[in-house]
Amino acid sequence: MTDPRFFSNAGPYTLGELAALTGATLAAPADTGRSFGDIAPLDSAGPSEISFFDNRKYAATFMRSKAGACIVNPDMAAKAPPGMALLLTAEPYRAYARIAALFYPVGAPEPYIAPSAAVAATAVLEPGCRVEPGAIIGDHAKIGPRCWIGPNAVIGAHVEIGADCRIGACVSISHALIGERVVLYPGVRIGQDGFGYAMGPGGHLKVPQLGRAVIMDDVEIGANATVDRGSGHDTVIGAGTKIDNMVHIAHNVQMGRFCIVAAQVGISGSTEIGDFVVIGGQAGLTGHLKIGAAVRIAAQSGVMRDVAPHETVAGSPAVSRIEWLRQCALIGRLREGETRKRANGTGSRSKLPANAAATQEMGQYKSSVR
């Protein structure tokens, strides 16, 4: 059960309403009028709650679940326990996301400007904004309607923020244009100087960072992430992109639409990233790369070359996923061979096999993993 101290439930809703919202089909049309008051995980849901099942790993949990209704792929419907109402869809998790947002909507903020907030006389706040204690809004900044500015956030001079944005506690924004429905979680830094220096034996000269940070509509940026402004060109984050906590995006990066960037990723300057790219946690991208649309980069990859559209890469330096798996298999097999030689008394604790033998063995292992 969701804790009502922190989350407000807008239910109940009927299965007919939920089916219309998600495009799902009711397994039993007679269930249309059944009403449900909440959502819950499969293993804890009760008869008045709705859950979802999307990962076959949890099939046993699904079969034991006491949920009154469940969102499920049609090919798993036969495994449902008796009496469970079913919403059938090819995308259960997406349907669940819509239903969860219906039960627990993020409402517009109650308009308010705290007495301790410092709002410049030349700043423009559209109707419906809420500005929490300690927030600072600089000269000529423009804040769109129904925005929420968290406590101790700092909005720099001339920054523009579109409608329905949520700016978390202690966020700082400068030299930036931000679209609509953008969410910046606590501690985000937008538009600070990029890391640019002209290095030399006489010392490192700071290169003025004269671009902006441009954040398009429907972007979310996780806690303590940073997006540097451009050095000449703008740094751009495309519409619908979602960025996890503690990600660093350097100056002049051009990121496409609907990208997913997991925690602790670092993207170096002037890298271009296409639409629908997925970057796993702790991956690092060197500068001036071109990453094509729909590329998938595995966690902890070190990307040092351009990546063609739709390619999946892994490892450091990153290579195609298939090549990376081959390399891992080869290393494992070589290690097994060395262990066997030691066990037979023919190996060395400090040296690999002789070059000719190792070369022959590697050839055998490469053949075995093709």
Protein backbone atom coordinates (compact mmCIF):
# COMPACT_ATOMS: atom_id res chain seq x y z
CA MET A 1 0.00 0.00 0.00
CA THR A 2 1.36 3.42 -0.99
CA ASP A 3 2.00 5.68 2.01
CA PRO A 4 -0.75 8.36 1.95
CA ARG A 5 1.49 10.77 3.85
CA PHE A 6 3.58 11.19 0.72
CA PHE A 7 1.28 10.30 -2.19
CA SER A 8 -2.31 11.33 -2.89
CA ASN A 9 -4.55 8.72 -4.54
CA ALA A 10 -7.05 9.99 -7.12
CA GLY A 11 -8.88 6.64 -7.47
CA PRO A 12 -10.99 4.60 -7.63
CA TYR A 13 -11.34 3.81 -11.35
CA THR A 14 -13.21 1.12 -13.23
CA LEU A 15 -11.48 -1.38 -15.49
CA GLY A 16 -13.43 0.09 -18.38
CA GLU A 17 -11.86 3.49 -17.72
CA LEU A 18 -8.41 1.97 -17.42
CA ALA A 19 -8.82 -0.02 -20.63
CA ALA A 20 -9.85 3.13 -22.48
CA LEU A 21 -6.84 5.01 -21.08
CA THR A 22 -4.29 2.38 -22.08
CA GLY A 23 -5.83 0.79 -25.16
CA ALA A 24 -5.80 -2.59 -23.38
CA THR A 25 -8.50 -5.21 -23.90
CA LEU A 26 -10.46 -6.77 -21.06
CA ALA A 27 -10.18 -10.54 -21.04
CA ALA A 28 -13.75 -10.67 -19.70
CA PRO A 29 -15.98 -7.81 -20.94
CA ALA A 30 -18.21 -8.39 -17.91
CA ASP A 31 -15.42 -6.90 -15.76
CA THR A 32 -15.86 -3.44 -17.33
CA GLY A 33 -17.65 -1.97 -14.32
CA ARG A 34 -15.40 -3.44 -11.64
CA SER A 35 -13.83 -0.69 -9.57
CA PHE A 36 -10.30 -0.64 -8.12
CA GLY A 37 -8.88 1.78 -5.59
CA ASP A 38 -5.12 1.43 -5.89
CA ILE A 39 -2.09 -0.14 -7.56
CA ALA A 40 0.42 -2.49 -5.92
CA PRO A 41 3.23 -4.97 -6.71
CA LEU A 42 2.29 -8.51 -7.69
CA ASP A 43 3.47 -10.05 -4.43
CA SER A 44 1.58 -7.66 -2.14
CA ALA A 45 -1.51 -6.60 -4.13
CA GLY A 46 -4.92 -7.46 -2.73
CA PRO A 47 -8.38 -7.98 -4.25
CA SER A 48 -9.09 -4.23 -4.55
CA GLU A 49 -5.76 -3.43 -6.23
CA ILE A 50 -4.29 -3.60 -9.74
CA SER A 51 -0.81 -4.90 -10.57
CA PHE A 52 1.15 -5.71 -13.72
CA PHE A 53 3.19 -8.64 -15.03
CA ASP A 54 5.77 -7.97 -17.74
CA ASN A 55 8.86 -10.04 -16.88
CA ARG A 56 8.64 -13.83 -17.24
CA LYS A 57 11.11 -14.12 -14.39
CA TYR A 58 8.17 -13.38 -12.09
CA ALA A 59 5.77 -15.93 -13.57
CA ALA A 60 5.53 -17.88 -10.33
CA THR A 61 4.72 -14.69 -8.40
CA PHE A 62 2.04 -13.86 -10.97
CA MET A 63 0.46 -17.29 -10.59
CA ARG A 64 0.29 -16.86 -6.78
CA SER A 65 -0.76 -13.20 -6.77
CA LYS A 66 -3.89 -12.11 -4.95
CA ALA A 67 -4.28 -8.94 -7.04
CA GLY A 68 -7.86 -8.29 -8.10
CA ALA A 69 -6.72 -7.26 -11.57
CA CYS A 70 -3.49 -7.39 -13.55
CA ILE A 71 -2.08 -5.86 -16.72
CA VAL A 72 -0.52 -8.67 -18.71
CA ASN A 73 0.58 -9.75 -22.17
CA PRO A 74 -2.07 -11.95 -23.85
CA ASP A 75 0.37 -14.85 -24.20
CA MET A 76 0.63 -15.11 -20.39
CA ALA A 77 -3.07 -14.77 -19.63
CA ALA A 78 -3.56 -18.52 -19.20
CA LYS A 79 -1.24 -18.49 -16.17
CA ALA A 80 -3.42 -16.04 -14.24
CA PRO A 81 -4.88 -17.31 -10.95
CA PRO A 82 -8.67 -17.90 -10.81
CA GLY A 83 -10.80 -14.79 -10.35
CA MET A 84 -8.15 -12.28 -11.43
CA ALA A 85 -9.44 -9.71 -13.95
CA LEU A 86 -7.04 -9.12 -16.83
CA LEU A 87 -6.16 -6.10 -18.92
CA LEU A 88 -4.48 -7.53 -22.02
CA THR A 89 -1.84 -5.54 -23.89
CA ALA A 90 1.42 -6.16 -25.72
CA GLU A 91 3.07 -3.47 -23.54
CA PRO A 92 2.08 -4.12 -19.91
CA TYR A 93 4.73 -1.87 -18.38
CA ARG A 94 3.75 1.14 -20.49
CA ALA A 95 0.11 0.55 -19.66
CA TYR A 96 1.00 0.35 -15.98
CA ALA A 97 2.87 3.67 -16.24
CA ARG A 98 -0.26 5.36 -17.57
CA ILE A 99 -2.47 3.82 -14.90
CA ALA A 100 -0.06 4.67 -12.08
CA ALA A 101 0.05 8.30 -13.27
CA LEU A 102 -3.76 8.35 -13.30
CA PHE A 103 -3.98 7.13 -9.70
CA TYR A 104 -1.13 9.40 -8.54
CA PRO A 105 -1.08 12.51 -10.74
CA VAL A 106 1.41 15.32 -10.32
CA GLY A 107 -0.86 18.28 -9.89
CA ALA A 108 -0.22 21.93 -10.66
CA PRO A 109 1.47 23.76 -7.76
CA GLU A 110 -0.52 25.99 -5.48
CA PRO A 111 0.52 29.56 -6.44
CA TYR A 112 2.74 31.13 -3.84
CA ILE A 113 5.91 33.20 -3.49
CA ALA A 114 7.68 32.72 -0.18
CA PRO A 115 8.64 35.92 1.64
CA SER A 116 12.27 34.74 1.83
CA ALA A 117 12.50 34.18 -1.94
CA ALA A 118 14.47 36.85 -3.83
CA VAL A 119 12.74 37.63 -7.10
CA ALA A 120 14.27 40.42 -9.19
CA ALA A 121 11.95 43.29 -10.04
CA THR A 122 12.59 42.73 -13.75
CA ALA A 123 11.89 38.98 -13.63
CA VAL A 124 8.63 37.77 -15.21
CA LEU A 125 6.62 35.02 -13.54
CA GLU A 126 3.55 33.82 -15.41
CA PRO A 127 0.36 32.99 -13.46
CA GLY A 128 0.23 29.91 -11.24
CA CYS A 129 3.91 29.73 -10.24
CA ARG A 130 5.12 28.65 -6.83
CA VAL A 131 8.47 29.88 -5.50
CA GLU A 132 9.69 28.20 -2.32
CA PRO A 133 11.74 29.77 0.52
CA GLY A 134 15.29 30.83 -0.28
CA ALA A 135 14.91 30.64 -4.06
CA ILE A 136 16.58 33.34 -6.15
CA ILE A 137 15.31 34.50 -9.55
CA GLY A 138 17.61 36.88 -11.38
CA ASP A 139 17.11 39.98 -13.52
CA HIS A 140 14.99 39.54 -16.66
CA ALA A 141 14.45 35.84 -16.05
CA LYS A 142 11.21 34.50 -17.52
CA ILE A 143 9.30 31.72 -15.76
CA GLY A 144 6.36 30.13 -17.58
CA PRO A 145 2.95 29.43 -16.06
CA ARG A 146 2.44 26.81 -13.33
CA CYS A 147 6.15 26.30 -12.66
CA TRP A 148 7.39 25.13 -9.27
CA ILE A 149 10.72 26.57 -8.12
CA GLY A 150 12.13 24.57 -5.22
CA PRO A 151 13.75 25.90 -2.06
CA ASN A 152 17.17 27.54 -2.51
CA ALA A 153 17.08 27.12 -6.30
CA VAL A 154 18.97 29.80 -8.22
CA ILE A 155 17.66 30.95 -11.60
CA GLY A 156 20.20 33.22 -13.24
CA ALA A 157 19.66 36.43 -15.15
CA HIS A 158 17.88 36.14 -18.52
CA VAL A 159 17.19 32.40 -18.10
CA GLU A 160 13.92 31.36 -19.75
CA ILE A 161 11.82 28.47 -18.44
CA GLY A 162 8.68 27.20 -20.18
CA ALA A 163 5.33 26.16 -18.75
CA ASP A 164 4.73 23.43 -16.16
CA CYS A 165 8.37 22.89 -15.20
CA ARG A 166 9.52 21.57 -11.83
CA ILE A 167 12.86 22.92 -10.61
CA GLY A 168 14.09 20.98 -7.57
CA ALA A 169 15.72 22.14 -4.39
CA CYS A 170 19.17 23.72 -4.73
CA VAL A 171 19.16 23.58 -8.54
CA SER A 172 21.22 26.27 -10.27
CA ILE A 173 20.52 27.44 -13.82
CA SER A 174 22.42 30.01 -15.85
CA HIS A 175 22.86 30.83 -19.55
CA ALA A 176 19.98 28.50 -20.39
CA LEU A 177 16.74 28.19 -22.31
CA ILE A 178 14.45 25.51 -20.94
CA GLY A 179 11.32 24.14 -22.62
CA GLU A 180 7.99 23.02 -21.21
CA ARG A 181 7.28 20.22 -18.72
CA VAL A 182 10.97 19.89 -17.85
CA VAL A 183 11.84 18.29 -14.50
CA LEU A 184 15.17 19.10 -12.83
CA TYR A 185 15.76 17.09 -9.67
CA PRO A 186 17.57 18.49 -6.61
CA GLY A 187 21.14 19.64 -7.09
CA VAL A 188 21.11 19.78 -10.89
CA ARG A 189 23.52 22.29 -12.46
CA ILE A 190 22.58 23.70 -15.85
CA GLY A 191 24.65 26.15 -17.89
CA GLN A 192 27.82 26.49 -15.86
CA ASP A 193 31.19 26.89 -17.61
CA GLY A 194 32.36 24.05 -19.77
CA PHE A 195 35.80 22.59 -19.02
CA GLY A 196 37.81 24.35 -21.71
CA TYR A 197 41.50 25.30 -21.46
CA ALA A 198 44.25 26.07 -23.95
CA MET A 199 47.07 24.06 -22.41
CA GLY A 200 50.72 24.96 -22.69
CA PRO A 201 54.04 24.93 -20.83
CA GLY A 202 53.44 28.45 -19.62
CA GLY A 203 50.17 27.49 -17.95
CA HIS A 204 46.62 26.67 -18.97
CA LEU A 205 44.50 29.51 -20.35
CA LYS A 206 40.78 29.49 -19.70
CA VAL A 207 38.74 29.52 -22.92
CA PRO A 208 35.62 31.67 -22.46
CA GLN A 209 32.46 29.55 -22.69
CA LEU A 210 30.14 31.67 -24.81
CA GLY A 211 27.33 29.27 -25.72
CA ARG A 212 24.12 28.33 -23.95
CA ALA A 213 22.48 25.21 -22.55
CA VAL A 214 19.23 24.45 -24.37
CA ILE A 215 16.91 21.91 -22.74
CA MET A 216 13.96 20.92 -24.93
CA ASP A 217 10.42 19.93 -23.87
CA ASP A 218 9.68 16.95 -21.59
CA VAL A 219 13.28 16.39 -20.48
CA GLU A 220 14.03 15.01 -17.01
CA ILE A 221 17.46 15.42 -15.43
CA GLY A 222 18.31 13.47 -12.27
CA ALA A 223 19.75 14.68 -8.99
CA ASN A 224 23.24 16.20 -9.03
CA ALA A 225 23.61 15.88 -12.80
CA THR A 226 25.37 18.65 -14.76
CA VAL A 227 24.89 20.05 -18.23
CA ASP A 228 27.60 22.56 -19.19
CA ARG A 229 26.83 25.41 -21.52
CA GLY A 230 28.53 25.47 -24.91
CA SER A 231 31.88 27.05 -25.62
CA GLY A 232 30.64 28.56 -28.88
CA HIS A 233 27.84 26.33 -30.11
CA ASP A 234 25.02 25.53 -27.69
CA THR A 235 24.79 22.38 -25.62
CA VAL A 236 21.42 20.83 -26.56
CA ILE A 237 19.36 18.12 -24.85
CA GLY A 238 16.63 16.86 -27.17
CA ALA A 239 12.92 16.60 -26.36
CA GLY A 240 11.81 13.67 -24.23
CA THR A 241 15.30 12.66 -23.12
CA LYS A 242 15.63 11.22 -19.61
CA ILE A 243 18.93 11.61 -17.71
CA ASP A 244 19.67 9.77 -14.47
CA ASN A 245 21.44 11.01 -11.33
CA MET A 246 25.07 12.20 -11.36
CA VAL A 247 25.52 12.34 -15.13
CA HIS A 248 27.96 14.85 -16.64
CA ILE A 249 27.31 16.32 -20.08
CA ALA A 250 30.10 18.56 -21.33
CA HIS A 251 30.08 21.67 -23.50
CA ASN A 252 28.72 21.55 -27.07
CA VAL A 253 27.19 18.09 -26.71
CA GLN A 254 24.22 17.67 -29.05
CA MET A 255 21.86 15.00 -27.70
CA GLY A 256 18.86 13.84 -29.72
CA ARG A 257 15.26 13.11 -28.77
CA PHE A 258 14.08 10.39 -26.38
CA CYS A 259 17.50 9.26 -25.23
CA ILE A 260 18.03 7.35 -21.98
CA VAL A 261 21.22 8.06 -19.99
CA ALA A 262 21.80 6.01 -16.83
CA ALA A 263 23.65 7.14 -13.70
CA GLN A 264 27.29 8.27 -13.64
CA VAL A 265 27.68 8.51 -17.40
CA GLY A 266 30.21 11.06 -18.67
CA ILE A 267 29.90 12.54 -22.16
CA SER A 268 32.83 14.62 -23.36
CA GLY A 269 32.62 17.84 -25.34
CA SER A 270 31.22 18.23 -28.87
CA THR A 271 29.88 14.68 -29.07
CA GLU A 272 26.76 14.29 -31.23
CA ILE A 273 24.18 11.74 -30.11
CA GLY A 274 21.23 10.67 -32.23
CA ASP A 275 17.61 10.01 -31.26
CA PHE A 276 16.58 7.07 -29.04
CA VAL A 277 20.12 6.28 -27.88
CA VAL A 278 20.43 4.26 -24.64
CA ILE A 279 23.61 4.67 -22.54
CA GLY A 280 24.21 2.30 -19.61
CA GLY A 281 25.51 3.36 -16.21
CA GLN A 282 29.11 4.55 -15.80
CA ALA A 283 29.77 4.55 -19.54
CA GLY A 284 32.25 7.17 -20.78
CA LEU A 285 32.27 8.81 -24.21
CA THR A 286 35.30 10.71 -25.48
CA GLY A 287 34.85 14.01 -27.28
CA HIS A 288 33.92 14.85 -30.87
CA LEU A 289 32.19 11.52 -31.53
CA LYS A 290 29.12 10.83 -33.63
CA ILE A 291 26.75 8.32 -32.04
CA GLY A 292 24.01 7.26 -34.46
CA ALA A 293 20.30 6.93 -33.77
CA ALA A 294 19.06 3.98 -31.68
CA VAL A 295 22.57 3.00 -30.55
CA ARG A 296 22.80 1.00 -27.31
CA ILE A 297 25.90 1.42 -25.15
CA ALA A 298 26.42 -1.13 -22.37
CA ALA A 299 27.22 -0.15 -18.79
CA GLN A 300 30.85 0.81 -18.08
CA SER A 301 31.72 0.98 -21.78
CA GLY A 302 34.51 3.29 -22.90
CA VAL A 303 33.46 4.68 -26.27
CA MET A 304 36.40 6.04 -28.26
CA ARG A 305 35.12 5.88 -31.83
CA ASP A 306 32.03 6.83 -33.81
CA VAL A 307 29.16 4.34 -33.55
CA ALA A 308 26.87 3.64 -36.51
CA PRO A 309 23.07 3.83 -36.10
CA HIS A 310 21.37 0.85 -34.40
CA GLU A 311 24.69 -0.68 -33.27
CA THR A 312 25.11 -2.15 -29.77
CA VAL A 313 28.56 -1.74 -28.21
CA ALA A 314 30.23 -2.89 -25.00
CA GLY A 315 33.64 -3.01 -23.35
CA SER A 316 36.53 -0.57 -23.04
CA PRO A 317 37.50 0.37 -25.64
CA ALA A 318 33.96 -0.30 -26.83
CA VAL A 319 33.44 -2.73 -29.69
CA SER A 320 30.35 -4.43 -31.07
CA ARG A 321 28.56 -6.51 -28.47
CA ILE A 322 29.25 -9.72 -30.39
CA GLU A 323 32.98 -8.96 -30.55
CA TRP A 324 33.02 -8.08 -26.86
CA LEU A 325 31.40 -11.42 -25.96
CA ARG A 326 34.00 -13.21 -28.09
CA GLN A 327 36.79 -11.39 -26.30
CA CYS A 328 35.36 -12.31 -22.90
CA ALA A 329 35.04 -15.97 -23.95
CA LEU A 330 38.59 -16.01 -25.30
CA ILE A 331 40.06 -14.56 -22.11
CA GLY A 332 38.15 -17.07 -20.03
CA ARG A 333 39.30 -20.00 -22.16
CA LEU A 334 42.92 -18.86 -22.07
CA ARG A 335 42.72 -18.66 -18.31
CA GLU A 336 41.26 -22.18 -18.16
CA GLY A 337 44.10 -23.46 -20.32
CA GLU A 338 46.73 -21.89 -18.07
CA THR A 339 45.06 -23.36 -14.98
CA ARG A 340 45.09 -26.83 -16.52
CA LYS A 341 48.78 -26.53 -17.39
CA ARG A 342 49.62 -25.53 -13.84
CA ALA A 343 47.65 -28.49 -12.51
CA ASN A 344 49.64 -30.79 -14.82
CA GLY A 345 52.94 -29.27 -13.74
CA THR A 346 53.69 -27.87 -17.21
CA GLY A 347 52.76 -24.25 -16.62
CA SER A 348 54.49 -21.33 -14.94
CA ARG A 349 53.14 -19.27 -12.07
CA SER A 350 54.69 -16.14 -13.50
CA LYS A 351 54.59 -16.62 -17.26
CA LEU A 352 51.97 -17.34 -19.91
CA PRO A 353 52.59 -20.27 -22.32
CA ALA A 354 55.33 -19.86 -24.92
CA ASN A 355 54.42 -17.56 -27.79
CA ALA A 356 53.96 -20.27 -30.40
CA ALA A 357 51.75 -22.38 -28.14
CA ALA A 358 49.72 -19.38 -26.99
CA THR A 359 49.20 -18.26 -30.59
CA GLN A 360 47.97 -21.73 -31.55
CA GLU A 361 45.68 -21.87 -28.51
CA MET A 362 44.21 -18.44 -29.26
CA GLY A 363 43.46 -19.55 -32.80
CA GLN A 364 41.58 -22.57 -31.48
CA TYR A 365 39.61 -20.45 -29.03
CA LYS A 366 38.69 -17.86 -31.66
CA SER A 367 37.27 -20.64 -33.79
CA SER A 368 35.29 -21.99 -30.88
CA VAL A 369 33.50 -18.68 -30.19
CA ARG A 370 32.67 -17.71 -33.75
